Structures are given as C-alpha cells and as structure tokens.
C-alpha cells in the first residue's frame, strides 16, 4: 500500500497520542504497517502535541511540509499552525471549538480569526471538514472523548481505507472499560458527522 501520511495536532490533554495509537492498532489489524512519531511541547500546560502516523510502505517517521495526506486537528488554531504540512491533495478535518494554547494564555501570541483562516485553508486543500467535536464529545457523555469524535470523523470521511470496525475494536482494546461506552458513542457521532460533510 502506498504510504498514507496522517498528521494529528492538539494541545495537551486532548488525547492526541491515544488517537494515534488507535490508528496504528487498527492499521496493524488489517496488515498495514504503521510508523509513528510524536512531539510533546509543553503538553502538561496545554502546549502543542503533534503525532505523525504513516501507514504503508516506506521507512520515514516524519511528514515533510506539503506532504500530509490528512491533517486531523483537535484544536483549530493548532490546525491552522500545522497547515504548512498540507498541499492541494490534502484532507483537513478540524475541531472548531477553541481551547487556546499556552502561548495565548501567557500573552506570547494572539488567537487567530478561526472562521477566516479556515475559509482560506478550504481553498488550498482538496477537502476541509470542520465540526464542533467538543460539543459532540459532551453529547456522547464525556468531554474527554473529543479524540474519539475526531477519529470517528476521520472514519466517516472515507479519507482512509481503515475499516471502521477495526477502529472500534482498537478503541475497546486501548481505552479503560469505564470510558468505553462514551468513547464508542463519541466515535459514532463523529463518524456520522464526517460522512455528511
């Protein structure tokens, strides 16, 4: 299989790394080799967390600028910041609910105009899916299931060839039993939304 390059960006506490691991598990379950790398900024203080998941042939663990096939953004300003990884062929799936990162909280940077930035991005990539994943996670029963909403949106979008049932299996295997119900409900809400956009 030709390499599929997925970039995941979030701020600390949004479950980026767990989402990357679930993608890797689902890929391995269908015989696709996953490779992953992670970057933790000041994650414990709400700083940036990046994961790169490469599925299929190749040896690389990183995604050069302009070469991400998919950008999955759990926080909209981080999606905008990471957009340099995308090209005209890319699919961007982003949460629209802000959780201002550490640099905004400390006054080191200003929060961008999300609507204007996403409108500009939509004209530069193949497809942009923007959803309020934070509200969907709350509707599923846990604000902490934001990452599962985003995985669901990815599955529903059809941007990967990973079977949704393998992602569900990986969610059940990799998350605590007490959270499985909310996580699976969040995944379904995300999948339904992703399929409609």
C-alpha atoms as a PDB file:
ATOM      1  CA  UNK A   1       0.000   0.000   0.000  1.00  0.00           C
ATOM      2  CA  UNK A   2       1.225   3.485  -0.876  1.00  0.00           C
ATOM      3  CA  UNK A   3       2.072   5.422   2.273  1.00  0.00           C
ATOM      4  CA  UNK A   4      -0.769   7.387   3.843  1.00  0.00           C
ATOM      5  CA  UNK A   5       0.583  10.301   5.892  1.00  0.00           C
ATOM      6  CA  UNK A   6      -1.604  11.469   8.781  1.00  0.00           C
ATOM      7  CA  UNK A   7      -0.659  14.449  10.945  1.00  0.00           C
ATOM      8  CA  UNK A   8      -2.531  14.861  14.239  1.00  0.00           C
ATOM      9  CA  UNK A   9      -2.260  18.116  16.193  1.00  0.00           C
ATOM     10  CA  UNK A  10      -3.747  19.042  19.558  1.00  0.00           C
ATOM     11  CA  UNK A  11      -3.000  20.734  22.822  1.00  0.00           C
ATOM     12  CA  UNK A  12      -2.081  18.791  25.939  1.00  0.00           C
ATOM     13  CA  UNK A  13      -4.909  16.778  27.443  1.00  0.00           C
ATOM     14  CA  UNK A  14      -6.915  16.285  24.247  1.00  0.00           C
ATOM     15  CA  UNK A  15      -5.876  12.662  23.704  1.00  0.00           C
ATOM     16  CA  UNK A  16      -3.799  13.061  20.562  1.00  0.00           C
ATOM     17  CA  UNK A  17      -1.342  10.258  21.405  1.00  0.00           C
ATOM     18  CA  UNK A  18      -4.086   7.766  22.240  1.00  0.00           C
ATOM     19  CA  UNK A  19      -5.778   8.585  18.925  1.00  0.00           C
ATOM     20  CA  UNK A  20      -2.524   7.935  17.068  1.00  0.00           C
ATOM     21  CA  UNK A  21      -2.083   4.605  18.818  1.00  0.00           C
ATOM     22  CA  UNK A  22      -5.634   3.562  17.959  1.00  0.00           C
ATOM     23  CA  UNK A  23      -4.972   4.383  14.298  1.00  0.00           C
ATOM     24  CA  UNK A  24      -1.798   2.299  14.427  1.00  0.00           C
ATOM     25  CA  UNK A  25      -3.588  -0.640  16.067  1.00  0.00           C
ATOM     26  CA  UNK A  26      -6.401  -0.557  13.503  1.00  0.00           C
ATOM     27  CA  UNK A  27      -3.889  -0.461  10.653  1.00  0.00           C
ATOM     28  CA  UNK A  28      -1.855  -3.366  12.069  1.00  0.00           C
ATOM     29  CA  UNK A  29      -5.065  -5.386  12.458  1.00  0.00           C
ATOM     30  CA  UNK A  30      -5.591  -5.290   8.689  1.00  0.00           C
ATOM     31  CA  UNK A  31      -1.927  -5.975   7.834  1.00  0.00           C
ATOM     32  CA  UNK A  32      -0.829  -2.374   7.200  1.00  0.00           C
ATOM     33  CA  UNK A  33       2.481  -1.420   8.788  1.00  0.00           C
ATOM     34  CA  UNK A  34       2.163   1.699  10.971  1.00  0.00           C
ATOM     35  CA  UNK A  35       5.035   4.049  11.832  1.00  0.00           C
ATOM     36  CA  UNK A  36       4.592   6.822  14.365  1.00  0.00           C
ATOM     37  CA  UNK A  37       6.464   9.752  15.822  1.00  0.00           C
ATOM     38  CA  UNK A  38       5.389  12.197  18.499  1.00  0.00           C
ATOM     39  CA  UNK A  39       6.370  15.679  19.593  1.00  0.00           C
ATOM     40  CA  UNK A  40       5.342  16.915  23.022  1.00  0.00           C
ATOM     41  CA  UNK A  41       5.638  20.636  23.565  1.00  0.00           C
ATOM     42  CA  UNK A  42       4.610  21.913  26.976  1.00  0.00           C
ATOM     43  CA  UNK A  43       1.781  19.388  26.884  1.00  0.00           C
ATOM     44  CA  UNK A  44       1.072  19.414  30.616  1.00  0.00           C
ATOM     45  CA  UNK A  45       0.447  23.169  30.406  1.00  0.00           C
ATOM     46  CA  UNK A  46      -1.792  22.993  27.354  1.00  0.00           C
ATOM     47  CA  UNK A  47       1.068  23.207  24.858  1.00  0.00           C
ATOM     48  CA  UNK A  48       1.165  21.632  21.431  1.00  0.00           C
ATOM     49  CA  UNK A  49       1.261  17.867  20.905  1.00  0.00           C
ATOM     50  CA  UNK A  50       1.910  16.507  17.414  1.00  0.00           C
ATOM     51  CA  UNK A  51       1.723  12.927  16.205  1.00  0.00           C
ATOM     52  CA  UNK A  52       2.679  11.696  12.764  1.00  0.00           C
ATOM     53  CA  UNK A  53       1.186   8.389  11.688  1.00  0.00           C
ATOM     54  CA  UNK A  54       2.465   6.864   8.458  1.00  0.00           C
ATOM     55  CA  UNK A  55       0.627   3.814   7.181  1.00  0.00           C
ATOM     56  CA  UNK A  56       2.001   1.502   4.487  1.00  0.00           C
ATOM     57  CA  UNK A  57       5.260   1.314   2.564  1.00  0.00           C
ATOM     58  CA  UNK A  58       8.355   3.284   3.436  1.00  0.00           C
ATOM     59  CA  UNK A  59      10.800   3.901   6.244  1.00  0.00           C
ATOM     60  CA  UNK A  60      10.204   7.531   7.171  1.00  0.00           C
ATOM     61  CA  UNK A  61       8.710   8.511  10.511  1.00  0.00           C
ATOM     62  CA  UNK A  62       8.135  12.193   9.774  1.00  0.00           C
ATOM     63  CA  UNK A  63       5.996  14.137   7.309  1.00  0.00           C
ATOM     64  CA  UNK A  64       7.701  16.904   5.312  1.00  0.00           C
ATOM     65  CA  UNK A  65       5.923  20.200   4.695  1.00  0.00           C
ATOM     66  CA  UNK A  66       3.278  19.925   1.973  1.00  0.00           C
ATOM     67  CA  UNK A  67       3.083  16.119   2.107  1.00  0.00           C
ATOM     68  CA  UNK A  68       0.425  15.267   4.708  1.00  0.00           C
ATOM     69  CA  UNK A  69      -2.460  13.386   3.141  1.00  0.00           C
ATOM     70  CA  UNK A  70      -4.616  14.083   6.197  1.00  0.00           C
ATOM     71  CA  UNK A  71      -4.379  16.725   8.906  1.00  0.00           C
ATOM     72  CA  UNK A  72      -6.509  15.901  11.940  1.00  0.00           C
ATOM     73  CA  UNK A  73      -6.713  18.944  14.210  1.00  0.00           C
ATOM     74  CA  UNK A  74      -8.212  18.714  17.687  1.00  0.00           C
ATOM     75  CA  UNK A  75      -7.826  22.476  18.301  1.00  0.00           C
ATOM     76  CA  UNK A  76      -8.480  24.963  15.476  1.00  0.00           C
ATOM     77  CA  UNK A  77      -5.511  27.289  15.987  1.00  0.00           C
ATOM     78  CA  UNK A  78      -3.201  24.256  16.020  1.00  0.00           C
ATOM     79  CA  UNK A  79      -4.821  23.080  12.779  1.00  0.00           C
ATOM     80  CA  UNK A  80      -4.044  26.458  11.224  1.00  0.00           C
ATOM     81  CA  UNK A  81      -0.470  26.404  12.542  1.00  0.00           C
ATOM     82  CA  UNK A  82       0.114  22.908  11.126  1.00  0.00           C
ATOM     83  CA  UNK A  83      -1.436  23.656   7.713  1.00  0.00           C
ATOM     84  CA  UNK A  84       2.056  24.032   6.211  1.00  0.00           C
ATOM     85  CA  UNK A  85       2.163  20.220   6.263  1.00  0.00           C
ATOM     86  CA  UNK A  86      -0.703  20.155   3.709  1.00  0.00           C
ATOM     87  CA  UNK A  87      -0.873  20.506  -0.056  1.00  0.00           C
ATOM     88  CA  UNK A  88      -3.586  20.637  -2.696  1.00  0.00           C
ATOM     89  CA  UNK A  89      -4.153  16.871  -2.285  1.00  0.00           C
ATOM     90  CA  UNK A  90      -4.704  17.025   1.493  1.00  0.00           C
ATOM     91  CA  UNK A  91      -7.839  16.487   3.561  1.00  0.00           C
ATOM     92  CA  UNK A  92      -8.141  18.582   6.730  1.00  0.00           C
ATOM     93  CA  UNK A  93     -10.516  17.539   9.496  1.00  0.00           C
ATOM     94  CA  UNK A  94     -10.659  20.038  12.335  1.00  0.00           C
ATOM     95  CA  UNK A  95     -12.487  20.752  15.533  1.00  0.00           C
ATOM     96  CA  UNK A  96     -13.905  24.288  15.501  1.00  0.00           C
ATOM     97  CA  UNK A  97     -14.144  24.779  19.296  1.00  0.00           C
ATOM     98  CA  UNK A  98     -11.159  26.723  20.585  1.00  0.00           C
ATOM     99  CA  UNK A  99      -9.013  25.698  23.518  1.00  0.00           C
ATOM    100  CA  UNK A 100      -6.440  28.472  23.419  1.00  0.00           C
ATOM    101  CA  UNK A 101      -2.926  27.080  23.748  1.00  0.00           C
ATOM    102  CA  UNK A 102      -0.385  28.010  26.396  1.00  0.00           C
ATOM    103  CA  UNK A 103       1.182  30.736  24.269  1.00  0.00           C
ATOM    104  CA  UNK A 104      -2.141  32.597  24.072  1.00  0.00           C
ATOM    105  CA  UNK A 105      -2.763  32.223  27.812  1.00  0.00           C
ATOM    106  CA  UNK A 106       0.653  33.752  28.547  1.00  0.00           C
ATOM    107  CA  UNK A 107       0.225  36.588  26.051  1.00  0.00           C
ATOM    108  CA  UNK A 108       3.020  35.377  23.761  1.00  0.00           C
ATOM    109  CA  UNK A 109       0.633  35.138  20.811  1.00  0.00           C
ATOM    110  CA  UNK A 110      -2.878  36.158  19.769  1.00  0.00           C
ATOM    111  CA  UNK A 111      -5.689  33.764  18.965  1.00  0.00           C
ATOM    112  CA  UNK A 112      -6.441  33.830  15.220  1.00  0.00           C
ATOM    113  CA  UNK A 113      -9.737  34.535  13.479  1.00  0.00           C
ATOM    114  CA  UNK A 114     -10.717  30.879  13.038  1.00  0.00           C
ATOM    115  CA  UNK A 115     -13.539  31.348  10.507  1.00  0.00           C
ATOM    116  CA  UNK A 116     -11.418  33.482   8.187  1.00  0.00           C
ATOM    117  CA  UNK A 117      -8.407  31.177   8.451  1.00  0.00           C
ATOM    118  CA  UNK A 118     -10.438  28.017   7.785  1.00  0.00           C
ATOM    119  CA  UNK A 119     -12.151  29.658   4.800  1.00  0.00           C
ATOM    120  CA  UNK A 120      -8.717  30.447   3.362  1.00  0.00           C
ATOM    121  CA  UNK A 121      -7.482  26.908   4.069  1.00  0.00           C
ATOM    122  CA  UNK A 122     -10.523  25.375   2.355  1.00  0.00           C
ATOM    123  CA  UNK A 123      -9.374  26.943  -0.907  1.00  0.00           C
ATOM    124  CA  UNK A 124      -5.884  25.453  -0.614  1.00  0.00           C
ATOM    125  CA  UNK A 125      -6.690  21.785   0.057  1.00  0.00           C
ATOM    126  CA  UNK A 126      -8.746  19.024  -1.520  1.00  0.00           C
ATOM    127  CA  UNK A 127     -11.321  18.955   1.291  1.00  0.00           C
ATOM    128  CA  UNK A 128     -11.906  20.609   4.647  1.00  0.00           C
ATOM    129  CA  UNK A 129     -14.252  19.151   7.255  1.00  0.00           C
ATOM    130  CA  UNK A 130     -14.917  21.453  10.210  1.00  0.00           C
ATOM    131  CA  UNK A 131     -17.037  20.239  13.127  1.00  0.00           C
ATOM    132  CA  UNK A 132     -17.663  21.153  16.746  1.00  0.00           C
ATOM    133  CA  UNK A 133     -16.126  17.977  18.139  1.00  0.00           C
ATOM    134  CA  UNK A 134     -16.104  19.381  21.662  1.00  0.00           C
ATOM    135  CA  UNK A 135     -19.916  19.612  21.709  1.00  0.00           C
ATOM    136  CA  UNK A 136     -20.259  16.144  20.204  1.00  0.00           C
ATOM    137  CA  UNK A 137     -17.956  14.712  22.885  1.00  0.00           C
ATOM    138  CA  UNK A 138     -20.104  16.288  25.604  1.00  0.00           C
ATOM    139  CA  UNK A 139     -23.200  14.851  23.920  1.00  0.00           C
ATOM    140  CA  UNK A 140     -21.600  11.397  23.971  1.00  0.00           C
ATOM    141  CA  UNK A 141     -21.219  11.666  27.737  1.00  0.00           C
ATOM    142  CA  UNK A 142     -17.614  12.773  28.228  1.00  0.00           C
ATOM    143  CA  UNK A 143     -15.740  15.910  27.133  1.00  0.00           C
ATOM    144  CA  UNK A 144     -12.605  13.742  27.261  1.00  0.00           C
ATOM    145  CA  UNK A 145     -13.866  11.731  24.279  1.00  0.00           C
ATOM    146  CA  UNK A 146     -13.025  14.577  21.862  1.00  0.00           C
ATOM    147  CA  UNK A 147     -10.281  12.407  20.355  1.00  0.00           C
ATOM    148  CA  UNK A 148     -12.809   9.658  19.614  1.00  0.00           C
ATOM    149  CA  UNK A 149     -15.127  12.134  17.878  1.00  0.00           C
ATOM    150  CA  UNK A 150     -12.186  13.149  15.685  1.00  0.00           C
ATOM    151  CA  UNK A 151     -11.304   9.526  14.885  1.00  0.00           C
ATOM    152  CA  UNK A 152     -14.950   8.958  14.002  1.00  0.00           C
ATOM    153  CA  UNK A 153     -14.957  11.986  11.696  1.00  0.00           C
ATOM    154  CA  UNK A 154     -11.844  10.599  10.014  1.00  0.00           C
ATOM    155  CA  UNK A 155     -13.520   7.206   9.562  1.00  0.00           C
ATOM    156  CA  UNK A 156     -16.746   8.773   8.289  1.00  0.00           C
ATOM    157  CA  UNK A 157     -14.915  10.987   5.808  1.00  0.00           C
ATOM    158  CA  UNK A 158     -13.619   7.987   3.866  1.00  0.00           C
ATOM    159  CA  UNK A 159     -10.156   9.584   3.721  1.00  0.00           C
ATOM    160  CA  UNK A 160      -8.514   6.350   4.915  1.00  0.00           C
ATOM    161  CA  UNK A 161      -9.124   2.754   3.938  1.00  0.00           C
ATOM    162  CA  UNK A 162      -9.219   1.604   7.553  1.00  0.00           C
ATOM    163  CA  UNK A 163     -12.422  -0.330   8.289  1.00  0.00           C
ATOM    164  CA  UNK A 164     -14.467   1.482  10.979  1.00  0.00           C
ATOM    165  CA  UNK A 165     -14.963  -1.803  12.825  1.00  0.00           C
ATOM    166  CA  UNK A 166     -11.183  -2.139  13.288  1.00  0.00           C
ATOM    167  CA  UNK A 167     -11.075   1.353  14.784  1.00  0.00           C
ATOM    168  CA  UNK A 168     -13.942   0.385  17.128  1.00  0.00           C
ATOM    169  CA  UNK A 169     -12.042  -2.781  18.132  1.00  0.00           C
ATOM    170  CA  UNK A 170      -8.917  -0.726  18.853  1.00  0.00           C
ATOM    171  CA  UNK A 171     -10.941   1.770  20.921  1.00  0.00           C
ATOM    172  CA  UNK A 172     -12.271  -1.101  23.027  1.00  0.00           C
ATOM    173  CA  UNK A 173      -8.795  -2.595  23.418  1.00  0.00           C
ATOM    174  CA  UNK A 174      -6.918   0.644  24.188  1.00  0.00           C
ATOM    175  CA  UNK A 175      -9.310   2.580  26.429  1.00  0.00           C
ATOM    176  CA  UNK A 176     -10.349   1.906  30.013  1.00  0.00           C
ATOM    177  CA  UNK A 177     -13.550  -0.082  30.370  1.00  0.00           C
ATOM    178  CA  UNK A 178     -15.183   2.744  32.332  1.00  0.00           C
ATOM    179  CA  UNK A 179     -14.804   5.039  29.317  1.00  0.00           C
ATOM    180  CA  UNK A 180     -15.526   2.593  26.504  1.00  0.00           C
ATOM    181  CA  UNK A 181     -19.244   3.383  26.204  1.00  0.00           C
ATOM    182  CA  UNK A 182     -18.713   7.140  25.915  1.00  0.00           C
ATOM    183  CA  UNK A 183     -15.756   6.639  23.583  1.00  0.00           C
ATOM    184  CA  UNK A 184     -17.710   4.441  21.198  1.00  0.00           C
ATOM    185  CA  UNK A 185     -20.703   6.809  21.297  1.00  0.00           C
ATOM    186  CA  UNK A 186     -18.350   9.710  20.517  1.00  0.00           C
ATOM    187  CA  UNK A 187     -16.794   7.746  17.639  1.00  0.00           C
ATOM    188  CA  UNK A 188     -20.250   7.136  16.140  1.00  0.00           C
ATOM    189  CA  UNK A 189     -21.258  10.795  16.434  1.00  0.00           C
ATOM    190  CA  UNK A 190     -18.023  11.799  14.721  1.00  0.00           C
ATOM    191  CA  UNK A 191     -18.435   9.155  12.008  1.00  0.00           C
ATOM    192  CA  UNK A 192     -21.976  10.307  11.211  1.00  0.00           C
ATOM    193  CA  UNK A 193     -20.874  13.934  11.049  1.00  0.00           C
ATOM    194  CA  UNK A 194     -17.805  13.160   8.923  1.00  0.00           C
ATOM    195  CA  UNK A 195     -19.915  11.179   6.464  1.00  0.00           C
ATOM    196  CA  UNK A 196     -22.290  14.115   5.975  1.00  0.00           C
ATOM    197  CA  UNK A 197     -19.648  16.767   5.262  1.00  0.00           C
END
